[in-house]
Amino acid sequence: MPKLPGVNHRAAVKAFEKAGFRILREGKHVVMSNGTRFLTIPRHNPVNAITMAGIVRDAGLTIEEFKKLL
């Protein structure tokens, strides 16, 4: 698995919006959905690389696809 550095949560939200996800709810976490998949992004800066990789996998994207969206 390629390396994924820690990512700012705002940059991650913008990248997932480019991938078709929309914000449903914001609080301590940002909850996003594309209609079938739900993502929960913590508001940490930066979001831990392991956590971010799991969120990217849950979104159905590869690390390379996510990096292109950043």
PDB file of N, CA and C in Angstrom:
ATOM      1  N   MET A   1       0.857  -1.187   0.000  1.00  0.00           N
ATOM      2  CA  MET A   1       0.000   0.000   0.000  1.00  0.00           C
ATOM      3  C   MET A   1       0.895   1.240   0.000  1.00  0.00           C
ATOM      4  N   PRO A   2       0.667   2.167  -0.924  1.00  0.00           N
ATOM      5  CA  PRO A   2       1.470   3.387  -0.971  1.00  0.00           C
ATOM      6  C   PRO A   2       1.251   4.238   0.275  1.00  0.00           C
ATOM      7  N   LYS A   3       2.252   5.029   0.567  1.00  0.00           N
ATOM      8  CA  LYS A   3       2.188   5.891   1.743  1.00  0.00           C
ATOM      9  C   LYS A   3       1.175   7.013   1.543  1.00  0.00           C
ATOM     10  N   LEU A   4       0.477   7.335   2.597  1.00  0.00           N
ATOM     11  CA  LEU A   4      -0.450   8.458   2.600  1.00  0.00           C
ATOM     12  C   LEU A   4      -0.095   9.318   3.799  1.00  0.00           C
ATOM     13  N   PRO A   5       0.405  10.532   3.561  1.00  0.00           N
ATOM     14  CA  PRO A   5       0.760  11.372   4.706  1.00  0.00           C
ATOM     15  C   PRO A   5      -0.499  11.866   5.416  1.00  0.00           C
ATOM     16  N   GLY A   6      -0.322  12.400   6.614  1.00  0.00           N
ATOM     17  CA  GLY A   6      -1.447  12.994   7.315  1.00  0.00           C
ATOM     18  C   GLY A   6      -2.037  14.108   6.462  1.00  0.00           C
ATOM     19  N   VAL A   7      -3.360  14.214   6.422  1.00  0.00           N
ATOM     20  CA  VAL A   7      -4.049  15.170   5.562  1.00  0.00           C
ATOM     21  C   VAL A   7      -4.904  16.091   6.425  1.00  0.00           C
ATOM     22  N   ASN A   8      -4.926  17.367   6.101  1.00  0.00           N
ATOM     23  CA  ASN A   8      -5.800  18.327   6.763  1.00  0.00           C
ATOM     24  C   ASN A   8      -7.241  17.910   6.506  1.00  0.00           C
ATOM     25  N   HIS A   9      -8.107  17.954   7.518  1.00  0.00           N
ATOM     26  CA  HIS A   9      -9.481  17.480   7.329  1.00  0.00           C
ATOM     27  C   HIS A   9     -10.242  18.306   6.302  1.00  0.00           C
ATOM     28  N   ARG A  10      -9.954  19.605   6.186  1.00  0.00           N
ATOM     29  CA  ARG A  10     -10.648  20.431   5.179  1.00  0.00           C
ATOM     30  C   ARG A  10     -10.271  20.015   3.761  1.00  0.00           C
ATOM     31  N   ALA A  11      -8.991  19.692   3.557  1.00  0.00           N
ATOM     32  CA  ALA A  11      -8.542  19.227   2.236  1.00  0.00           C
ATOM     33  C   ALA A  11      -9.191  17.884   1.900  1.00  0.00           C
ATOM     34  N   ALA A  12      -9.335  17.020   2.904  1.00  0.00           N
ATOM     35  CA  ALA A  12      -9.965  15.722   2.679  1.00  0.00           C
ATOM     36  C   ALA A  12     -11.433  15.895   2.301  1.00  0.00           C
ATOM     37  N   VAL A  13     -12.141  16.804   2.980  1.00  0.00           N
ATOM     38  CA  VAL A  13     -13.557  17.045   2.680  1.00  0.00           C
ATOM     39  C   VAL A  13     -13.689  17.550   1.239  1.00  0.00           C
ATOM     40  N   LYS A  14     -12.836  18.480   0.826  1.00  0.00           N
ATOM     41  CA  LYS A  14     -12.898  19.004  -0.546  1.00  0.00           C
ATOM     42  C   LYS A  14     -12.611  17.911  -1.569  1.00  0.00           C
ATOM     43  N   ALA A  15     -11.654  17.030  -1.262  1.00  0.00           N
ATOM     44  CA  ALA A  15     -11.327  15.935  -2.177  1.00  0.00           C
ATOM     45  C   ALA A  15     -12.504  14.976  -2.317  1.00  0.00           C
ATOM     46  N   PHE A  16     -13.153  14.655  -1.202  1.00  0.00           N
ATOM     47  CA  PHE A  16     -14.301  13.750  -1.274  1.00  0.00           C
ATOM     48  C   PHE A  16     -15.484  14.416  -1.976  1.00  0.00           C
ATOM     49  N   GLU A  17     -15.626  15.729  -1.859  1.00  0.00           N
ATOM     50  CA  GLU A  17     -16.681  16.432  -2.601  1.00  0.00           C
ATOM     51  C   GLU A  17     -16.433  16.316  -4.103  1.00  0.00           C
ATOM     52  N   LYS A  18     -15.178  16.378  -4.531  1.00  0.00           N
ATOM     53  CA  LYS A  18     -14.841  16.192  -5.948  1.00  0.00           C
ATOM     54  C   LYS A  18     -15.188  14.782  -6.408  1.00  0.00           C
ATOM     55  N   ALA A  19     -15.140  13.821  -5.470  1.00  0.00           N
ATOM     56  CA  ALA A  19     -15.447  12.423  -5.786  1.00  0.00           C
ATOM     57  C   ALA A  19     -16.945  12.130  -5.734  1.00  0.00           C
ATOM     58  N   GLY A  20     -17.773  13.154  -5.432  1.00  0.00           N
ATOM     59  CA  GLY A  20     -19.213  12.960  -5.454  1.00  0.00           C
ATOM     60  C   GLY A  20     -19.879  12.840  -4.095  1.00  0.00           C
ATOM     61  N   PHE A  21     -19.138  13.034  -3.026  1.00  0.00           N
ATOM     62  CA  PHE A  21     -19.716  12.972  -1.686  1.00  0.00           C
ATOM     63  C   PHE A  21     -20.226  14.350  -1.280  1.00  0.00           C
ATOM     64  N   ARG A  22     -21.248  14.379  -0.444  1.00  0.00           N
ATOM     65  CA  ARG A  22     -21.823  15.635   0.052  1.00  0.00           C
ATOM     66  C   ARG A  22     -21.852  15.599   1.574  1.00  0.00           C
ATOM     67  N   ILE A  23     -21.688  16.773   2.187  1.00  0.00           N
ATOM     68  CA  ILE A  23     -21.702  16.879   3.643  1.00  0.00           C
ATOM     69  C   ILE A  23     -23.136  16.727   4.139  1.00  0.00           C
ATOM     70  N   LEU A  24     -23.330  15.827   5.093  1.00  0.00           N
ATOM     71  CA  LEU A  24     -24.643  15.631   5.712  1.00  0.00           C
ATOM     72  C   LEU A  24     -24.731  16.342   7.045  1.00  0.00           C
ATOM     73  N   ARG A  25     -23.622  16.277   7.806  1.00  0.00           N
ATOM     74  CA  ARG A  25     -23.640  16.797   9.170  1.00  0.00           C
ATOM     75  C   ARG A  25     -22.222  17.191   9.567  1.00  0.00           C
ATOM     76  N   GLU A  26     -22.120  18.244  10.373  1.00  0.00           N
ATOM     77  CA  GLU A  26     -20.819  18.675  10.877  1.00  0.00           C
ATOM     78  C   GLU A  26     -20.899  18.878  12.383  1.00  0.00           C
ATOM     79  N   GLY A  27     -19.868  18.473  13.058  1.00  0.00           N
ATOM     80  CA  GLY A  27     -19.745  18.634  14.506  1.00  0.00           C
ATOM     81  C   GLY A  27     -18.295  18.355  14.839  1.00  0.00           C
ATOM     82  N   LYS A  28     -18.047  17.437  15.769  1.00  0.00           N
ATOM     83  CA  LYS A  28     -16.670  17.029  16.030  1.00  0.00           C
ATOM     84  C   LYS A  28     -16.125  16.206  14.867  1.00  0.00           C
ATOM     85  N   HIS A  29     -17.035  15.647  14.080  1.00  0.00           N
ATOM     86  CA  HIS A  29     -16.689  14.901  12.877  1.00  0.00           C
ATOM     87  C   HIS A  29     -17.524  15.457  11.730  1.00  0.00           C
ATOM     88  N   VAL A  30     -17.040  15.262  10.507  1.00  0.00           N
ATOM     89  CA  VAL A  30     -17.804  15.626   9.320  1.00  0.00           C
ATOM     90  C   VAL A  30     -18.336  14.329   8.731  1.00  0.00           C
ATOM     91  N   VAL A  31     -19.650  14.235   8.567  1.00  0.00           N
ATOM     92  CA  VAL A  31     -20.277  13.037   8.004  1.00  0.00           C
ATOM     93  C   VAL A  31     -20.656  13.357   6.569  1.00  0.00           C
ATOM     94  N   MET A  32     -20.190  12.501   5.651  1.00  0.00           N
ATOM     95  CA  MET A  32     -20.443  12.707   4.223  1.00  0.00           C
ATOM     96  C   MET A  32     -21.065  11.447   3.631  1.00  0.00           C
ATOM     97  N   SER A  33     -21.808  11.631   2.529  1.00  0.00           N
ATOM     98  CA  SER A  33     -22.414  10.495   1.845  1.00  0.00           C
ATOM     99  C   SER A  33     -22.485  10.771   0.352  1.00  0.00           C
ATOM    100  N   ASN A  34     -22.459   9.697  -0.433  1.00  0.00           N
ATOM    101  CA  ASN A  34     -22.686   9.811  -1.875  1.00  0.00           C
ATOM    102  C   ASN A  34     -23.986   9.116  -2.258  1.00  0.00           C
ATOM    103  N   GLY A  35     -24.814   8.796  -1.273  1.00  0.00           N
ATOM    104  CA  GLY A  35     -26.071   8.114  -1.530  1.00  0.00           C
ATOM    105  C   GLY A  35     -26.037   6.658  -1.099  1.00  0.00           C
ATOM    106  N   THR A  36     -24.873   6.011  -1.231  1.00  0.00           N
ATOM    107  CA  THR A  36     -24.763   4.619  -0.827  1.00  0.00           C
ATOM    108  C   THR A  36     -23.715   4.410   0.262  1.00  0.00           C
ATOM    109  N   ARG A  37     -22.661   5.193   0.233  1.00  0.00           N
ATOM    110  CA  ARG A  37     -21.575   5.060   1.214  1.00  0.00           C
ATOM    111  C   ARG A  37     -21.579   6.254   2.159  1.00  0.00           C
ATOM    112  N   PHE A  38     -21.238   6.006   3.414  1.00  0.00           N
ATOM    113  CA  PHE A  38     -21.129   7.065   4.415  1.00  0.00           C
ATOM    114  C   PHE A  38     -19.692   7.139   4.902  1.00  0.00           C
ATOM    115  N   LEU A  39     -19.173   8.344   5.056  1.00  0.00           N
ATOM    116  CA  LEU A  39     -17.821   8.568   5.564  1.00  0.00           C
ATOM    117  C   LEU A  39     -17.894   9.452   6.796  1.00  0.00           C
ATOM    118  N   THR A  40     -17.067   9.174   7.771  1.00  0.00           N
ATOM    119  CA  THR A  40     -16.963  10.010   8.960  1.00  0.00           C
ATOM    120  C   THR A  40     -15.516  10.470   9.055  1.00  0.00           C
ATOM    121  N   ILE A  41     -15.314  11.777   8.915  1.00  0.00           N
ATOM    122  CA  ILE A  41     -13.976  12.348   8.923  1.00  0.00           C
ATOM    123  C   ILE A  41     -13.784  13.144  10.209  1.00  0.00           C
ATOM    124  N   PRO A  42     -12.805  12.761  11.038  1.00  0.00           N
ATOM    125  CA  PRO A  42     -12.572  13.518  12.277  1.00  0.00           C
ATOM    126  C   PRO A  42     -11.982  14.887  11.963  1.00  0.00           C
ATOM    127  N   ARG A  43     -12.276  15.860  12.817  1.00  0.00           N
ATOM    128  CA  ARG A  43     -11.731  17.203  12.633  1.00  0.00           C
ATOM    129  C   ARG A  43     -10.417  17.333  13.381  1.00  0.00           C
ATOM    130  N   HIS A  44      -9.410  16.566  12.952  1.00  0.00           N
ATOM    131  CA  HIS A  44      -8.067  16.655  13.504  1.00  0.00           C
ATOM    132  C   HIS A  44      -7.191  17.223  12.410  1.00  0.00           C
ATOM    133  N   ASN A  45      -6.192  17.973  12.789  1.00  0.00           N
ATOM    134  CA  ASN A  45      -5.234  18.454  11.808  1.00  0.00           C
ATOM    135  C   ASN A  45      -3.843  18.077  12.238  1.00  0.00           C
ATOM    136  N   PRO A  46      -3.175  17.225  11.503  1.00  0.00           N
ATOM    137  CA  PRO A  46      -3.698  16.466  10.369  1.00  0.00           C
ATOM    138  C   PRO A  46      -4.403  15.193  10.841  1.00  0.00           C
ATOM    139  N   VAL A  47      -5.236  14.648   9.971  1.00  0.00           N
ATOM    140  CA  VAL A  47      -5.875  13.360  10.257  1.00  0.00           C
ATOM    141  C   VAL A  47      -4.780  12.302  10.111  1.00  0.00           C
ATOM    142  N   ASN A  48      -4.666  11.408  11.078  1.00  0.00           N
ATOM    143  CA  ASN A  48      -3.658  10.349  11.084  1.00  0.00           C
ATOM    144  C   ASN A  48      -3.673   9.597   9.755  1.00  0.00           C
ATOM    145  N   ALA A  49      -2.489   9.230   9.249  1.00  0.00           N
ATOM    146  CA  ALA A  49      -2.368   8.565   7.952  1.00  0.00           C
ATOM    147  C   ALA A  49      -3.124   7.240   7.917  1.00  0.00           C
ATOM    148  N   ILE A  50      -3.076   6.474   8.991  1.00  0.00           N
ATOM    149  CA  ILE A  50      -3.768   5.173   9.022  1.00  0.00           C
ATOM    150  C   ILE A  50      -5.278   5.388   9.001  1.00  0.00           C
ATOM    151  N   THR A  51      -5.770   6.363   9.752  1.00  0.00           N
ATOM    152  CA  THR A  51      -7.195   6.689   9.770  1.00  0.00           C
ATOM    153  C   THR A  51      -7.640   7.153   8.389  1.00  0.00           C
ATOM    154  N   MET A  52      -6.842   8.026   7.767  1.00  0.00           N
ATOM    155  CA  MET A  52      -7.196   8.559   6.450  1.00  0.00           C
ATOM    156  C   MET A  52      -7.232   7.450   5.407  1.00  0.00           C
ATOM    157  N   ALA A  53      -6.291   6.526   5.478  1.00  0.00           N
ATOM    158  CA  ALA A  53      -6.274   5.410   4.521  1.00  0.00           C
ATOM    159  C   ALA A  53      -7.532   4.559   4.661  1.00  0.00           C
ATOM    160  N   GLY A  54      -8.003   4.356   5.893  1.00  0.00           N
ATOM    161  CA  GLY A  54      -9.239   3.602   6.106  1.00  0.00           C
ATOM    162  C   GLY A  54     -10.451   4.322   5.545  1.00  0.00           C
ATOM    163  N   ILE A  55     -10.489   5.646   5.692  1.00  0.00           N
ATOM    164  CA  ILE A  55     -11.604   6.438   5.162  1.00  0.00           C
ATOM    165  C   ILE A  55     -11.603   6.384   3.642  1.00  0.00           C
ATOM    166  N   VAL A  56     -10.414   6.480   3.049  1.00  0.00           N
ATOM    167  CA  VAL A  56     -10.300   6.401   1.579  1.00  0.00           C
ATOM    168  C   VAL A  56     -10.785   5.041   1.090  1.00  0.00           C
ATOM    169  N   ARG A  57     -10.417   3.985   1.795  1.00  0.00           N
ATOM    170  CA  ARG A  57     -10.866   2.632   1.420  1.00  0.00           C
ATOM    171  C   ARG A  57     -12.380   2.520   1.540  1.00  0.00           C
ATOM    172  N   ASP A  58     -12.959   3.090   2.623  1.00  0.00           N
ATOM    173  CA  ASP A  58     -14.406   3.059   2.811  1.00  0.00           C
ATOM    174  C   ASP A  58     -15.131   3.825   1.697  1.00  0.00           C
ATOM    175  N   ALA A  59     -14.468   4.828   1.133  1.00  0.00           N
ATOM    176  CA  ALA A  59     -15.064   5.622   0.057  1.00  0.00           C
ATOM    177  C   ALA A  59     -15.023   4.879  -1.283  1.00  0.00           C
ATOM    178  N   GLY A  60     -14.299   3.778  -1.325  1.00  0.00           N
ATOM    179  CA  GLY A  60     -14.201   3.014  -2.572  1.00  0.00           C
ATOM    180  C   GLY A  60     -13.142   3.556  -3.507  1.00  0.00           C
ATOM    181  N   LEU A  61     -12.204   4.331  -2.975  1.00  0.00           N
ATOM    182  CA  LEU A  61     -11.128   4.909  -3.778  1.00  0.00           C
ATOM    183  C   LEU A  61      -9.808   4.235  -3.434  1.00  0.00           C
ATOM    184  N   THR A  62      -8.841   4.361  -4.347  1.00  0.00           N
ATOM    185  CA  THR A  62      -7.488   3.928  -4.036  1.00  0.00           C
ATOM    186  C   THR A  62      -6.725   5.140  -3.521  1.00  0.00           C
ATOM    187  N   ILE A  63      -5.574   4.889  -2.918  1.00  0.00           N
ATOM    188  CA  ILE A  63      -4.742   5.980  -2.404  1.00  0.00           C
ATOM    189  C   ILE A  63      -4.330   6.907  -3.550  1.00  0.00           C
ATOM    190  N   GLU A  64      -3.996   6.337  -4.707  1.00  0.00           N
ATOM    191  CA  GLU A  64      -3.588   7.150  -5.854  1.00  0.00           C
ATOM    192  C   GLU A  64      -4.722   8.046  -6.332  1.00  0.00           C
ATOM    193  N   GLU A  65      -5.938   7.499  -6.407  1.00  0.00           N
ATOM    194  CA  GLU A  65      -7.092   8.300  -6.826  1.00  0.00           C
ATOM    195  C   GLU A  65      -7.337   9.439  -5.845  1.00  0.00           C
ATOM    196  N   PHE A  66      -7.209   9.163  -4.549  1.00  0.00           N
ATOM    197  CA  PHE A  66      -7.426  10.179  -3.538  1.00  0.00           C
ATOM    198  C   PHE A  66      -6.370  11.281  -3.632  1.00  0.00           C
ATOM    199  N   LYS A  67      -5.106  10.891  -3.836  1.00  0.00           N
ATOM    200  CA  LYS A  67      -4.033  11.878  -3.952  1.00  0.00           C
ATOM    201  C   LYS A  67      -4.264  12.811  -5.145  1.00  0.00           C
ATOM    202  N   LYS A  68      -4.811  12.287  -6.238  1.00  0.00           N
ATOM    203  CA  LYS A  68      -5.101  13.125  -7.412  1.00  0.00           C
ATOM    204  C   LYS A  68      -6.211  14.135  -7.108  1.00  0.00           C
ATOM    205  N   LEU A  69      -7.144  13.779  -6.210  1.00  0.00           N
ATOM    206  CA  LEU A  69      -8.238  14.664  -5.865  1.00  0.00           C
ATOM    207  C   LEU A  69      -7.810  15.776  -4.894  1.00  0.00           C
ATOM    208  N   LEU A  70      -6.697  15.569  -4.175  1.00  0.00           N
ATOM    209  CA  LEU A  70      -6.234  16.571  -3.205  1.00  0.00           C
ATOM    210  C   LEU A  70      -5.764  17.840  -3.859  1.00  0.00           C
TER     211      LEU A  70
END
